[in-house]
Protein backbone atom coordinates (compact mmCIF):
# COMPACT_ATOMS: atom_id res chain seq x y z
CA MET A 1 2.90 2.29 20.30
CA SER A 2 0.08 -0.18 20.69
CA THR A 3 -1.15 -2.37 17.85
CA ALA A 4 -3.56 -5.31 17.81
CA GLY A 5 -3.36 -5.59 21.59
CA VAL A 6 0.45 -5.69 21.53
CA THR A 7 2.60 -2.85 22.85
CA ILE A 8 5.67 -2.10 20.76
CA ALA A 9 8.58 -0.05 22.10
CA ILE A 10 10.82 1.77 19.59
CA ARG A 11 14.36 2.58 20.70
CA PRO A 12 17.94 2.82 19.43
CA ALA A 13 19.64 -0.55 19.14
CA ALA A 14 22.05 -1.62 21.85
CA GLY A 15 24.97 -4.05 21.82
CA GLY A 16 22.78 -6.80 23.23
CA ASP A 17 20.49 -6.55 20.18
CA VAL A 18 23.08 -7.63 17.58
CA ALA A 19 22.18 -11.33 17.46
CA ALA A 20 18.43 -10.63 17.41
CA ILE A 21 18.82 -8.06 14.59
CA ASP A 22 20.86 -10.54 12.57
CA ALA A 23 18.27 -13.29 13.16
CA LEU A 24 15.40 -10.96 12.18
CA LEU A 25 17.11 -9.91 8.93
CA ARG A 26 17.87 -13.53 8.02
CA ALA A 27 14.25 -14.56 8.74
CA VAL A 28 12.59 -11.66 6.89
CA PHE A 29 14.64 -11.53 3.68
CA PRO A 30 15.03 -14.40 1.19
CA ARG A 31 18.84 -14.16 1.22
CA ALA A 32 21.40 -13.12 3.82
CA ASP A 33 22.35 -9.95 1.89
CA GLU A 34 20.67 -7.51 4.29
CA ALA A 35 22.10 -9.20 7.38
CA ASP A 36 25.54 -9.16 5.77
CA LEU A 37 25.06 -5.49 4.79
CA VAL A 38 24.22 -4.45 8.35
CA ARG A 39 27.13 -6.42 9.77
CA GLN A 40 29.56 -4.86 7.26
CA LEU A 41 28.24 -1.33 7.85
CA CYS A 42 28.97 -1.84 11.55
CA VAL A 43 32.42 -3.34 10.94
CA ASP A 44 33.34 -0.50 8.57
CA GLY A 45 32.13 2.18 11.01
CA ASP A 46 29.48 3.44 8.57
CA MET A 47 26.40 2.68 10.68
CA VAL A 48 24.98 6.00 11.90
CA LEU A 49 21.82 4.74 13.62
CA MET A 50 19.93 1.49 14.09
CA MET A 51 16.43 1.62 15.58
CA VAL A 52 14.63 -1.47 16.86
CA ALA A 53 11.05 -2.37 17.71
CA MET A 54 10.46 -4.62 20.71
CA ASP A 55 7.31 -6.50 21.67
CA GLU A 56 7.11 -5.32 25.28
CA GLU A 57 5.19 -8.34 26.52
CA SER A 58 7.47 -11.01 25.07
CA GLY A 59 10.68 -8.97 24.93
CA VAL A 60 11.20 -10.14 21.33
CA LEU A 61 12.84 -7.87 18.77
CA VAL A 62 10.25 -7.58 15.95
CA GLY A 63 11.61 -4.81 13.74
CA ALA A 64 14.70 -2.85 12.79
CA VAL A 65 15.76 -0.01 10.52
CA ALA A 66 19.30 1.12 9.69
CA PHE A 67 20.68 4.51 8.70
CA SER A 68 24.22 4.53 7.32
CA ARG A 69 26.73 7.19 6.33
CA MET A 70 26.81 8.53 2.77
CA ALA A 71 29.21 10.88 0.98
CA VAL A 72 27.03 13.51 -0.69
CA GLU A 73 27.93 16.80 -2.39
CA VAL A 74 25.71 19.75 -3.24
CA GLY A 75 27.20 22.87 -4.79
CA GLY A 76 30.68 21.35 -4.49
CA LYS A 77 30.38 21.00 -0.71
CA ALA A 78 30.00 17.88 1.41
CA ILE A 79 26.72 17.67 3.29
CA ALA A 80 25.65 15.34 6.08
CA ALA A 81 23.62 12.52 4.52
CA VAL A 82 22.51 8.99 5.31
CA ALA A 83 20.93 6.03 3.56
CA LEU A 84 17.91 4.29 5.06
CA ALA A 85 18.31 0.54 4.53
CA PRO A 86 17.30 -2.03 5.37
CA VAL A 87 13.98 -1.89 7.17
CA ALA A 88 12.59 -5.19 8.45
CA VAL A 89 9.53 -6.28 10.41
CA ALA A 90 8.77 -9.81 11.60
CA VAL A 91 5.95 -11.47 9.65
CA GLY A 92 3.41 -11.50 12.49
CA TYR A 93 3.87 -7.75 13.08
CA ARG A 94 3.52 -6.44 9.53
CA ARG A 95 0.79 -4.05 8.36
CA GLN A 96 0.39 -2.72 11.89
CA GLY A 97 2.49 0.45 11.62
CA VAL A 98 5.74 -0.98 13.01
CA ALA A 99 7.85 -0.07 9.96
CA GLU A 100 6.34 3.42 9.87
CA ALA A 101 7.06 3.94 13.58
CA LEU A 102 10.65 2.75 13.17
CA ILE A 103 11.29 4.99 10.17
CA GLN A 104 9.68 8.04 11.79
CA ALA A 105 11.64 7.58 15.01
CA GLY A 106 14.85 7.23 13.00
CA ILE A 107 14.13 10.35 10.95
CA GLU A 108 13.53 12.34 14.14
CA ARG A 109 16.90 11.22 15.52
CA ILE A 110 18.87 11.94 12.35
CA GLU A 111 17.21 15.37 12.12
CA ALA A 112 18.33 16.10 15.69
CA ALA A 113 21.84 14.97 14.65
CA ARG A 114 21.79 17.66 11.91
CA VAL A 115 21.69 15.26 8.95
CA VAL A 116 20.67 17.24 5.85
CA LEU A 117 19.54 14.53 3.40
CA CYS A 118 18.31 10.97 3.73
CA PHE A 119 18.25 8.62 0.73
CA VAL A 120 16.36 5.37 0.27
CA LEU A 121 16.09 2.89 -2.57
CA GLY A 122 12.46 1.80 -2.62
CA GLU A 123 8.86 2.24 -3.66
CA SER A 124 7.68 5.84 -3.75
CA ALA A 125 4.13 4.76 -2.82
CA PHE A 126 5.46 3.69 0.60
CA TYR A 127 8.21 6.25 1.26
CA GLU A 128 6.48 9.44 0.06
CA ARG A 129 4.41 9.49 3.29
CA PHE A 130 7.63 10.40 5.14
CA GLY A 131 8.68 13.10 2.65
CA PHE A 132 10.90 11.06 0.31
CA HIS A 133 10.59 11.80 -3.39
CA ALA A 134 12.45 10.90 -6.59
CA ASP A 135 12.69 14.59 -7.56
CA TYR A 136 14.93 15.25 -4.54
CA ALA A 137 17.31 12.49 -5.66
CA LYS A 138 17.28 13.51 -9.32
CA ASN A 139 20.58 14.67 -10.81
CA PHE A 140 22.75 13.17 -8.07
CA ASP A 141 25.55 11.00 -9.45
CA SER A 142 24.77 7.55 -8.05
CA PRO A 143 24.92 3.98 -9.36
CA TYR A 144 21.38 3.67 -7.97
CA ALA A 145 20.00 6.69 -9.87
CA GLY A 146 16.52 6.15 -11.28
CA GLU A 147 12.89 6.17 -10.27
CA HIS A 148 13.49 4.09 -7.12
CA LEU A 149 16.24 6.30 -5.66
CA LEU A 150 14.39 8.68 -3.38
CA ALA A 151 15.65 11.41 -1.08
CA MET A 152 14.23 13.55 1.67
CA PRO A 153 15.53 16.88 2.94
CA VAL A 154 15.62 16.33 6.70
CA GLN A 155 16.11 19.81 8.14
CA GLY A 156 12.58 21.18 8.02
CA GLY A 157 12.08 19.91 4.47
CA LEU A 158 14.60 22.41 3.08
CA MET A 159 16.57 21.11 0.10
CA PRO A 160 20.14 22.44 -0.15
CA CYS A 161 20.66 24.73 -3.15
CA GLY A 162 23.36 24.06 -5.70
CA ALA A 163 24.44 21.65 -8.38
CA ARG A 164 24.01 18.03 -7.41
CA GLY A 165 27.21 16.06 -7.14
CA ALA A 166 27.95 12.56 -5.95
CA ALA A 167 25.60 10.61 -3.70
CA THR A 168 27.79 7.71 -2.65
CA HIS A 169 26.53 4.96 -0.37
CA ALA A 170 28.87 3.26 2.08
CA ALA A 171 31.18 0.69 0.48
CA ALA A 172 29.18 -2.21 1.97
CA PHE A 173 26.33 -1.49 -0.47
CA ALA A 174 28.56 -2.29 -3.46
CA ARG A 175 28.97 -5.82 -2.08
CA LEU A 176 25.24 -6.58 -2.35
CA GLY A 177 24.20 -9.16 -4.92
């Protein structure tokens, strides 16, 4: 992707990106909660996918988005689901489509991995453009239930039929402040 004369490459994170991801999260957010969350998701084995955005000219990591494992039930059966969080973009690269490109690339990968539902806790005005909506998350049993818990059916937009059960984020989320 090219934005404001800068070429951004989106790719899955690699082991060599760990320190840069941590530094980005600590620089972008007011507290270390998101950096600690990502680290704990990795330690616990709950990280499903981390995508990064790189400034190709400078080689600097300028964005990241994480998708982590969730335990979700529909109709009494476990379904493959993930949580999107956090998403971060360096200050000088915001409002140029970097977050959107990261999220879209991540959604394409989780769809290919046969994930059925993706949840996010956020503003519907931003996330609805990807297909997230509060109605899809409604009636799931979650401590985050409410207008800001959004979900998106990943497999061709098809929502699984059946009574909504638990939508449980990875344990690392419970440690957030």
